[in-house]
Structure formats: structure tokens, C-alpha cells
Amino acid sequence: HVEDAVAKGARLLCGGRRPDAPELRGGFFYEPTVLVDVSSEMLVMHEESFGPIVGIATFSGMEEAIRLANSTAYGLVTYGYTRDLSTAFAFSEGVESGTVAINTVSPDSLYAPYPAWKHSGIGLELSHYGLEEYLQVKHIVMEIG
């Protein structure tokens, strides 16, 4: 994803390679990577990287931001950063994502559900909603006597 983005015009701000440290050469390590000036035709914008890679795209308005966020087949978590509360609510309501994190990178909580949306995840995890995924409800009606 990094090579694809750079080839299509993104700038590599940091990372983008395996670490040089000898003790890390035998593992599956990859430096935390930040790409800027990414666009929707780059793989990093519409495929899951499963690595420490973030692509930063700019936009000119709320509608474009929501369109960019929704233009992927995945929707497990969407992150947004703003100082304006009304912008935060509008973005949160508009994106197609099971979890929306505003101004944080830690959206998980044992008390809140972690729902799968689109092609991300399977079912529902965490909270009592996640536990209910493992239960089967049965309704029994009897008349006795």
C-alpha cells in the first residue's frame, strides 16, 4: 500500500519500511507509517492495510469528508478530528461505520459494542450486545391443566 500510494503521488512523512535494528530483522515488523496527500485511487484509501499505516487526505467540506469516509467497502472504525462539536456530530451521523472515534485513537470500551459494518469484522463484539451474539433465544408457551 505504501509503494502504491507513493507511486501515485502521496508523500511519505515517516516510516514505510522494515526497521534496521538487528533484533527486529527476523520478525514481521514494520515502522509506523504516515502518508499525506493521499487520494481515493490509492490502495491505502480503500483496502485494509493491517499494519501501522495511516493515509491522510484533505477535503474541502463536510459532504466531501463523509463521501471519502464512505467510499470504502470497509467500516469497522472511522476516525475524525475537529474542534467543533456540531461538525463532530454531523460527521459521526453521516459516516457508514460501526464505531466513530472523534479526537481519539482509542475507541474501545468493554461497555460499548464494537459492531461490524460493511465488509469489516464479523458480528458484534464487546458489551452485553456482543455476549448476546452467542445466545439463542427460545420462546416456549405451555398451557397446563
N, C-alpha and C. Protein backbone atom coordinates (compact mmCIF):
# COMPACT_ATOMS: atom_id res chain seq x y z
N HIS A 1 0.81 -1.20 0.00
CA HIS A 1 0.00 0.00 0.00
C HIS A 1 0.85 1.26 0.00
N VAL A 2 1.97 1.20 0.69
CA VAL A 2 2.85 2.37 0.75
C VAL A 2 3.46 2.64 -0.62
N GLU A 3 3.99 1.61 -1.25
CA GLU A 3 4.59 1.79 -2.58
C GLU A 3 3.56 2.30 -3.58
N ASP A 4 2.35 1.76 -3.53
CA ASP A 4 1.28 2.19 -4.43
C ASP A 4 0.96 3.66 -4.22
N ALA A 5 0.82 4.08 -2.96
CA ALA A 5 0.47 5.47 -2.66
C ALA A 5 1.57 6.43 -3.11
N VAL A 6 2.82 6.10 -2.83
CA VAL A 6 3.93 6.97 -3.23
C VAL A 6 4.02 7.06 -4.75
N ALA A 7 3.82 5.93 -5.43
CA ALA A 7 3.86 5.92 -6.89
C ALA A 7 2.75 6.78 -7.50
N LYS A 8 1.64 6.92 -6.76
CA LYS A 8 0.51 7.70 -7.27
C LYS A 8 0.47 9.13 -6.72
N GLY A 9 1.57 9.56 -6.05
CA GLY A 9 1.67 10.96 -5.66
C GLY A 9 1.61 11.29 -4.19
N ALA A 10 1.42 10.30 -3.32
CA ALA A 10 1.41 10.59 -1.88
C ALA A 10 2.83 10.88 -1.41
N ARG A 11 2.94 11.64 -0.33
CA ARG A 11 4.24 11.90 0.28
C ARG A 11 4.38 11.03 1.52
N LEU A 12 5.53 10.39 1.64
CA LEU A 12 5.84 9.57 2.81
C LEU A 12 6.41 10.47 3.88
N LEU A 13 5.65 10.69 4.95
CA LEU A 13 6.09 11.58 6.02
C LEU A 13 7.06 10.88 6.96
N CYS A 14 6.79 9.62 7.26
CA CYS A 14 7.70 8.83 8.11
C CYS A 14 7.39 7.35 7.93
N GLY A 15 8.38 6.52 8.27
CA GLY A 15 8.20 5.07 8.20
C GLY A 15 8.29 4.55 6.79
N GLY A 16 7.47 3.55 6.51
CA GLY A 16 7.41 2.99 5.16
C GLY A 16 8.38 1.87 4.88
N ARG A 17 8.97 1.31 5.93
CA ARG A 17 9.92 0.21 5.69
C ARG A 17 10.06 -0.64 6.95
N ARG A 18 10.76 -1.74 6.79
CA ARG A 18 11.06 -2.59 7.94
C ARG A 18 12.18 -1.93 8.74
N PRO A 19 12.16 -2.07 10.07
CA PRO A 19 13.21 -1.44 10.88
C PRO A 19 14.58 -2.07 10.62
N ASP A 20 15.63 -1.26 10.81
CA ASP A 20 17.00 -1.72 10.58
C ASP A 20 17.59 -2.48 11.76
N ALA A 21 17.02 -2.36 12.93
CA ALA A 21 17.59 -2.96 14.14
C ALA A 21 17.76 -4.47 13.95
N PRO A 22 18.96 -4.99 14.22
CA PRO A 22 19.23 -6.42 14.01
C PRO A 22 18.26 -7.33 14.77
N GLU A 23 17.87 -6.93 15.97
CA GLU A 23 16.98 -7.79 16.76
C GLU A 23 15.55 -7.85 16.21
N LEU A 24 15.23 -6.98 15.25
CA LEU A 24 13.89 -6.97 14.67
C LEU A 24 13.84 -7.56 13.27
N ARG A 25 14.98 -7.90 12.72
CA ARG A 25 15.03 -8.37 11.33
C ARG A 25 14.33 -9.71 11.12
N GLY A 26 14.26 -10.54 12.13
CA GLY A 26 13.65 -11.85 11.98
C GLY A 26 12.15 -11.86 12.15
N GLY A 27 11.57 -10.76 12.55
CA GLY A 27 10.13 -10.71 12.80
C GLY A 27 9.36 -10.03 11.69
N PHE A 28 8.10 -9.88 11.95
CA PHE A 28 7.21 -9.22 10.98
C PHE A 28 6.93 -7.81 11.45
N PHE A 29 7.97 -7.00 11.50
CA PHE A 29 7.87 -5.64 12.00
C PHE A 29 7.86 -4.66 10.83
N TYR A 30 7.13 -3.57 11.03
CA TYR A 30 7.06 -2.52 10.02
C TYR A 30 6.96 -1.19 10.76
N GLU A 31 7.74 -0.22 10.33
CA GLU A 31 7.74 1.07 11.02
C GLU A 31 6.38 1.75 10.91
N PRO A 32 5.94 2.43 11.97
CA PRO A 32 4.72 3.24 11.85
C PRO A 32 4.89 4.21 10.69
N THR A 33 3.88 4.26 9.83
CA THR A 33 3.99 4.97 8.56
C THR A 33 2.87 5.99 8.41
N VAL A 34 3.24 7.20 8.01
CA VAL A 34 2.27 8.26 7.75
C VAL A 34 2.44 8.71 6.30
N LEU A 35 1.34 8.64 5.55
CA LEU A 35 1.30 9.12 4.17
C LEU A 35 0.38 10.33 4.11
N VAL A 36 0.82 11.38 3.45
CA VAL A 36 -0.01 12.58 3.28
C VAL A 36 -0.28 12.80 1.80
N ASP A 37 -1.27 13.61 1.52
CA ASP A 37 -1.69 13.89 0.14
C ASP A 37 -2.18 12.62 -0.55
N VAL A 38 -2.88 11.76 0.20
CA VAL A 38 -3.42 10.55 -0.41
C VAL A 38 -4.73 10.87 -1.12
N SER A 39 -5.06 10.06 -2.12
CA SER A 39 -6.29 10.26 -2.88
C SER A 39 -7.03 8.93 -2.98
N SER A 40 -8.27 8.99 -3.41
CA SER A 40 -9.15 7.83 -3.38
C SER A 40 -8.72 6.69 -4.29
N GLU A 41 -7.88 6.94 -5.28
CA GLU A 41 -7.45 5.84 -6.15
C GLU A 41 -6.30 5.03 -5.56
N MET A 42 -5.78 5.44 -4.42
CA MET A 42 -4.68 4.72 -3.78
C MET A 42 -5.23 3.59 -2.91
N LEU A 43 -4.55 2.46 -2.92
CA LEU A 43 -4.99 1.29 -2.16
C LEU A 43 -5.18 1.58 -0.68
N VAL A 44 -4.33 2.42 -0.12
CA VAL A 44 -4.40 2.72 1.31
C VAL A 44 -5.72 3.39 1.68
N MET A 45 -6.42 3.95 0.70
CA MET A 45 -7.69 4.62 0.96
C MET A 45 -8.90 3.70 0.84
N HIS A 46 -8.74 2.53 0.24
CA HIS A 46 -9.92 1.67 0.11
C HIS A 46 -9.66 0.19 0.36
N GLU A 47 -8.48 -0.15 0.88
CA GLU A 47 -8.20 -1.52 1.32
C GLU A 47 -7.65 -1.46 2.73
N GLU A 48 -7.87 -2.53 3.49
CA GLU A 48 -7.34 -2.59 4.85
C GLU A 48 -5.87 -2.97 4.79
N SER A 49 -5.03 -2.21 5.45
CA SER A 49 -3.58 -2.45 5.42
C SER A 49 -3.14 -3.46 6.46
N PHE A 50 -3.83 -3.57 7.58
CA PHE A 50 -3.45 -4.45 8.69
C PHE A 50 -1.99 -4.22 9.10
N GLY A 51 -1.63 -2.98 9.20
CA GLY A 51 -0.30 -2.59 9.64
C GLY A 51 -0.35 -1.18 10.16
N PRO A 52 0.76 -0.70 10.69
CA PRO A 52 0.79 0.66 11.26
C PRO A 52 0.93 1.72 10.18
N ILE A 53 -0.11 1.83 9.34
CA ILE A 53 -0.08 2.75 8.20
C ILE A 53 -1.31 3.64 8.27
N VAL A 54 -1.10 4.94 8.14
CA VAL A 54 -2.23 5.87 8.07
C VAL A 54 -2.05 6.75 6.85
N GLY A 55 -3.14 6.91 6.12
CA GLY A 55 -3.16 7.82 4.99
C GLY A 55 -3.99 9.04 5.34
N ILE A 56 -3.45 10.21 5.13
CA ILE A 56 -4.15 11.45 5.48
C ILE A 56 -4.57 12.15 4.19
N ALA A 57 -5.89 12.34 4.07
CA ALA A 57 -6.45 13.02 2.90
C ALA A 57 -7.04 14.34 3.34
N THR A 58 -6.99 15.31 2.46
CA THR A 58 -7.62 16.60 2.74
C THR A 58 -8.97 16.65 2.03
N PHE A 59 -9.83 17.53 2.48
CA PHE A 59 -11.16 17.68 1.90
C PHE A 59 -11.57 19.13 2.05
N SER A 60 -12.59 19.53 1.28
CA SER A 60 -12.98 20.94 1.30
C SER A 60 -14.30 21.20 2.02
N GLY A 61 -14.97 20.18 2.48
CA GLY A 61 -16.23 20.40 3.20
C GLY A 61 -16.73 19.11 3.81
N MET A 62 -17.77 19.23 4.64
CA MET A 62 -18.31 18.08 5.34
C MET A 62 -18.80 17.00 4.38
N GLU A 63 -19.50 17.39 3.33
CA GLU A 63 -20.03 16.41 2.38
C GLU A 63 -18.90 15.60 1.75
N GLU A 64 -17.82 16.27 1.39
CA GLU A 64 -16.69 15.56 0.79
C GLU A 64 -16.02 14.65 1.81
N ALA A 65 -15.89 15.10 3.05
CA ALA A 65 -15.28 14.27 4.09
C ALA A 65 -16.09 12.99 4.30
N ILE A 66 -17.40 13.12 4.37
CA ILE A 66 -18.26 11.95 4.56
C ILE A 66 -18.21 11.05 3.33
N ARG A 67 -18.21 11.64 2.14
CA ARG A 67 -18.11 10.84 0.91
C ARG A 67 -16.81 10.06 0.88
N LEU A 68 -15.70 10.69 1.24
CA LEU A 68 -14.40 10.00 1.28
C LEU A 68 -14.43 8.86 2.29
N ALA A 69 -14.95 9.12 3.47
CA ALA A 69 -15.01 8.09 4.51
C ALA A 69 -15.88 6.92 4.09
N ASN A 70 -16.95 7.19 3.37
CA ASN A 70 -17.88 6.14 2.96
C ASN A 70 -17.51 5.46 1.65
N SER A 71 -16.46 5.91 0.99
CA SER A 71 -16.11 5.38 -0.33
C SER A 71 -15.37 4.05 -0.27
N THR A 72 -15.23 3.47 0.89
CA THR A 72 -14.56 2.19 1.04
C THR A 72 -15.58 1.09 1.33
N ALA A 73 -15.19 -0.14 1.06
CA ALA A 73 -16.05 -1.29 1.35
C ALA A 73 -16.00 -1.67 2.82
N TYR A 74 -15.17 -0.99 3.59
CA TYR A 74 -14.98 -1.33 5.00
C TYR A 74 -15.54 -0.24 5.89
N GLY A 75 -15.90 -0.61 7.11
CA GLY A 75 -16.48 0.38 8.00
C GLY A 75 -16.43 -0.02 9.46
N LEU A 76 -15.34 -0.64 9.89
CA LEU A 76 -15.25 -1.05 11.29
C LEU A 76 -15.11 0.16 12.20
N VAL A 77 -14.13 1.02 11.92
CA VAL A 77 -13.91 2.23 12.72
C VAL A 77 -13.56 3.38 11.79
N THR A 78 -14.11 4.54 12.07
CA THR A 78 -13.76 5.76 11.34
C THR A 78 -13.30 6.79 12.36
N TYR A 79 -12.20 7.46 12.05
CA TYR A 79 -11.63 8.46 12.96
C TYR A 79 -11.80 9.85 12.36
N GLY A 80 -12.13 10.81 13.20
CA GLY A 80 -12.23 12.19 12.77
C GLY A 80 -11.66 13.11 13.83
N TYR A 81 -11.17 14.24 13.40
CA TYR A 81 -10.56 15.21 14.32
C TYR A 81 -11.13 16.59 14.04
N THR A 82 -11.68 17.23 15.06
CA THR A 82 -12.27 18.55 14.91
C THR A 82 -12.36 19.23 16.27
N ARG A 83 -12.43 20.55 16.25
CA ARG A 83 -12.66 21.32 17.48
C ARG A 83 -14.13 21.70 17.62
N ASP A 84 -14.90 21.47 16.57
CA ASP A 84 -16.29 21.92 16.53
C ASP A 84 -17.24 20.77 16.83
N LEU A 85 -18.05 20.91 17.86
CA LEU A 85 -18.95 19.84 18.30
C LEU A 85 -20.02 19.53 17.25
N SER A 86 -20.57 20.53 16.59
CA SER A 86 -21.59 20.26 15.58
C SER A 86 -20.99 19.52 14.38
N THR A 87 -19.75 19.83 14.05
CA THR A 87 -19.05 19.09 12.99
C THR A 87 -18.86 17.65 13.40
N ALA A 88 -18.47 17.43 14.65
CA ALA A 88 -18.27 16.07 15.16
C ALA A 88 -19.56 15.25 15.05
N PHE A 89 -20.68 15.84 15.45
CA PHE A 89 -21.95 15.11 15.38
C PHE A 89 -22.37 14.86 13.94
N ALA A 90 -22.24 15.84 13.08
CA ALA A 90 -22.63 15.67 11.67
C ALA A 90 -21.79 14.59 11.00
N PHE A 91 -20.50 14.59 11.25
CA PHE A 91 -19.60 13.59 10.68
C PHE A 91 -19.96 12.21 11.23
N SER A 92 -20.14 12.11 12.54
CA SER A 92 -20.46 10.83 13.18
C SER A 92 -21.74 10.22 12.63
N GLU A 93 -22.73 11.06 12.41
CA GLU A 93 -24.01 10.57 11.90
C GLU A 93 -23.94 10.21 10.42
N GLY A 94 -23.08 10.87 9.67
CA GLY A 94 -23.02 10.66 8.23
C GLY A 94 -22.17 9.50 7.76
N VAL A 95 -21.18 9.11 8.55
CA VAL A 95 -20.29 8.04 8.09
C VAL A 95 -20.92 6.67 8.33
N GLU A 96 -20.63 5.75 7.41
CA GLU A 96 -21.13 4.38 7.48
C GLU A 96 -20.08 3.53 8.19
N SER A 97 -20.13 3.55 9.52
CA SER A 97 -19.11 2.88 10.31
C SER A 97 -19.71 2.39 11.61
N GLY A 98 -19.27 1.22 12.06
CA GLY A 98 -19.77 0.67 13.31
C GLY A 98 -19.32 1.45 14.52
N THR A 99 -18.15 2.02 14.46
CA THR A 99 -17.61 2.85 15.54
C THR A 99 -17.04 4.12 14.93
N VAL A 100 -17.33 5.24 15.55
CA VAL A 100 -16.76 6.52 15.13
C VAL A 100 -16.01 7.09 16.33
N ALA A 101 -14.74 7.39 16.14
CA ALA A 101 -13.90 7.96 17.19
C ALA A 101 -13.54 9.38 16.80
N ILE A 102 -13.91 10.33 17.64
CA ILE A 102 -13.62 11.73 17.37
C ILE A 102 -12.54 12.20 18.35
N ASN A 103 -11.45 12.70 17.82
CA ASN A 103 -10.34 13.25 18.60
C ASN A 103 -9.70 12.22 19.53
N THR A 104 -9.74 10.96 19.16
CA THR A 104 -9.10 9.91 19.95
C THR A 104 -8.71 8.75 19.03
N VAL A 105 -7.74 7.97 19.47
CA VAL A 105 -7.36 6.77 18.72
C VAL A 105 -7.73 5.51 19.49
N SER A 106 -8.44 5.66 20.60
CA SER A 106 -8.80 4.52 21.45
C SER A 106 -10.32 4.44 21.63
N PRO A 107 -11.03 3.93 20.62
CA PRO A 107 -12.48 3.90 20.73
C PRO A 107 -13.03 2.71 21.52
N ASP A 108 -12.19 1.74 21.86
CA ASP A 108 -12.68 0.52 22.51
C ASP A 108 -13.08 0.75 23.95
N SER A 109 -14.13 0.06 24.35
CA SER A 109 -14.59 0.05 25.73
C SER A 109 -15.33 -1.26 25.95
N LEU A 110 -15.12 -1.89 27.09
CA LEU A 110 -15.84 -3.13 27.38
C LEU A 110 -17.33 -2.90 27.52
N TYR A 111 -17.72 -1.67 27.74
CA TYR A 111 -19.13 -1.35 27.98
C TYR A 111 -19.85 -0.88 26.72
N ALA A 112 -19.14 -0.71 25.65
CA ALA A 112 -19.75 -0.25 24.40
C ALA A 112 -19.59 -1.34 23.34
N PRO A 113 -20.57 -1.50 22.47
CA PRO A 113 -20.46 -2.51 21.43
C PRO A 113 -19.40 -2.13 20.39
N TYR A 114 -18.85 -3.14 19.75
CA TYR A 114 -17.88 -2.96 18.68
C TYR A 114 -18.47 -3.66 17.45
N PRO A 115 -19.39 -2.98 16.76
CA PRO A 115 -20.13 -3.64 15.68
C PRO A 115 -19.39 -3.66 14.35
N ALA A 116 -19.59 -4.76 13.62
CA ALA A 116 -19.04 -4.88 12.27
C ALA A 116 -19.99 -4.20 11.29
N TRP A 117 -19.43 -3.45 10.37
CA TRP A 117 -20.21 -2.80 9.31
C TRP A 117 -19.54 -3.10 7.98
N LYS A 118 -20.34 -3.13 6.96
CA LYS A 118 -19.85 -3.38 5.60
C LYS A 118 -19.05 -4.68 5.60
N HIS A 119 -17.83 -4.66 5.04
CA HIS A 119 -17.02 -5.88 4.95
C HIS A 119 -15.97 -5.95 6.06
N SER A 120 -16.19 -5.27 7.16
CA SER A 120 -15.24 -5.28 8.28
C SER A 120 -15.82 -6.07 9.44
N GLY A 121 -15.02 -6.96 9.97
CA GLY A 121 -15.43 -7.69 11.16
C GLY A 121 -16.54 -8.69 10.89
N ILE A 122 -16.88 -9.41 11.96
CA ILE A 122 -17.95 -10.40 11.89
C ILE A 122 -18.81 -10.22 13.12
N GLY A 123 -20.04 -9.87 12.94
CA GLY A 123 -20.96 -9.77 14.07
C GLY A 123 -20.67 -8.58 14.97
N LEU A 124 -20.89 -8.83 16.24
CA LEU A 124 -20.82 -7.78 17.25
C LEU A 124 -19.94 -8.26 18.39
N GLU A 125 -19.04 -7.43 18.86
CA GLU A 125 -18.15 -7.79 19.96
C GLU A 125 -18.33 -6.81 21.11
N LEU A 126 -17.88 -7.21 22.28
CA LEU A 126 -17.86 -6.41 23.50
C LEU A 126 -19.27 -6.04 23.97
N SER A 127 -19.39 -5.64 25.19
CA SER A 127 -20.62 -5.23 25.87
C SER A 127 -21.64 -6.37 25.90
N HIS A 128 -22.79 -6.11 26.46
CA HIS A 128 -23.82 -7.16 26.51
C HIS A 128 -24.33 -7.49 25.11
N TYR A 129 -24.22 -6.56 24.17
CA TYR A 129 -24.63 -6.84 22.79
C TYR A 129 -23.74 -7.93 22.18
N GLY A 130 -22.46 -7.87 22.44
CA GLY A 130 -21.55 -8.89 21.95
C GLY A 130 -21.82 -10.24 22.56
N LEU A 131 -22.13 -10.27 23.85
CA LEU A 131 -22.46 -11.53 24.53
C LEU A 131 -23.72 -12.15 23.94
N GLU A 132 -24.67 -11.31 23.59
CA GLU A 132 -25.92 -11.81 23.02
C GLU A 132 -25.72 -12.48 21.67
N GLU A 133 -24.61 -12.20 20.99
CA GLU A 133 -24.30 -12.87 19.72
C GLU A 133 -24.13 -14.38 19.92
N TYR A 134 -23.78 -14.80 21.14
CA TYR A 134 -23.53 -16.21 21.42
C TYR A 134 -24.75 -16.90 22.03
N LEU A 135 -25.83 -16.20 22.18
CA LEU A 135 -27.03 -16.75 22.80
C LEU A 135 -28.10 -17.01 21.75
N GLN A 136 -28.92 -18.00 22.01
CA GLN A 136 -30.05 -18.30 21.14
C GLN A 136 -31.32 -18.16 21.97
N VAL A 137 -32.19 -17.29 21.56
CA VAL A 137 -33.44 -17.05 22.28
C VAL A 137 -34.46 -18.11 21.88
N LYS A 138 -35.16 -18.61 22.87
CA LYS A 138 -36.22 -19.57 22.61
C LYS A 138 -37.46 -19.11 23.35
N HIS A 139 -38.57 -19.08 22.67
CA HIS A 139 -39.85 -18.70 23.26
C HIS A 139 -40.67 -19.98 23.40
N ILE A 140 -41.06 -20.31 24.64
CA ILE A 140 -41.86 -21.51 24.90
C ILE A 140 -43.18 -21.08 25.53
N VAL A 141 -44.26 -21.58 24.99
CA VAL A 141 -45.59 -21.30 25.53
C VAL A 141 -46.25 -22.64 25.86
N MET A 142 -46.77 -22.79 27.08
CA MET A 142 -47.44 -24.01 27.51
C MET A 142 -48.73 -23.69 28.23
N GLU A 143 -49.68 -24.52 28.01
CA GLU A 143 -50.89 -24.48 28.83
C GLU A 143 -50.93 -25.78 29.61
N ILE A 144 -51.02 -25.69 30.90
CA ILE A 144 -51.03 -26.88 31.74
C ILE A 144 -52.38 -26.95 32.45
N GLY A 145 -52.99 -28.12 32.38
CA GLY A 145 -54.24 -28.35 33.11
C GLY A 145 -55.48 -28.11 32.36
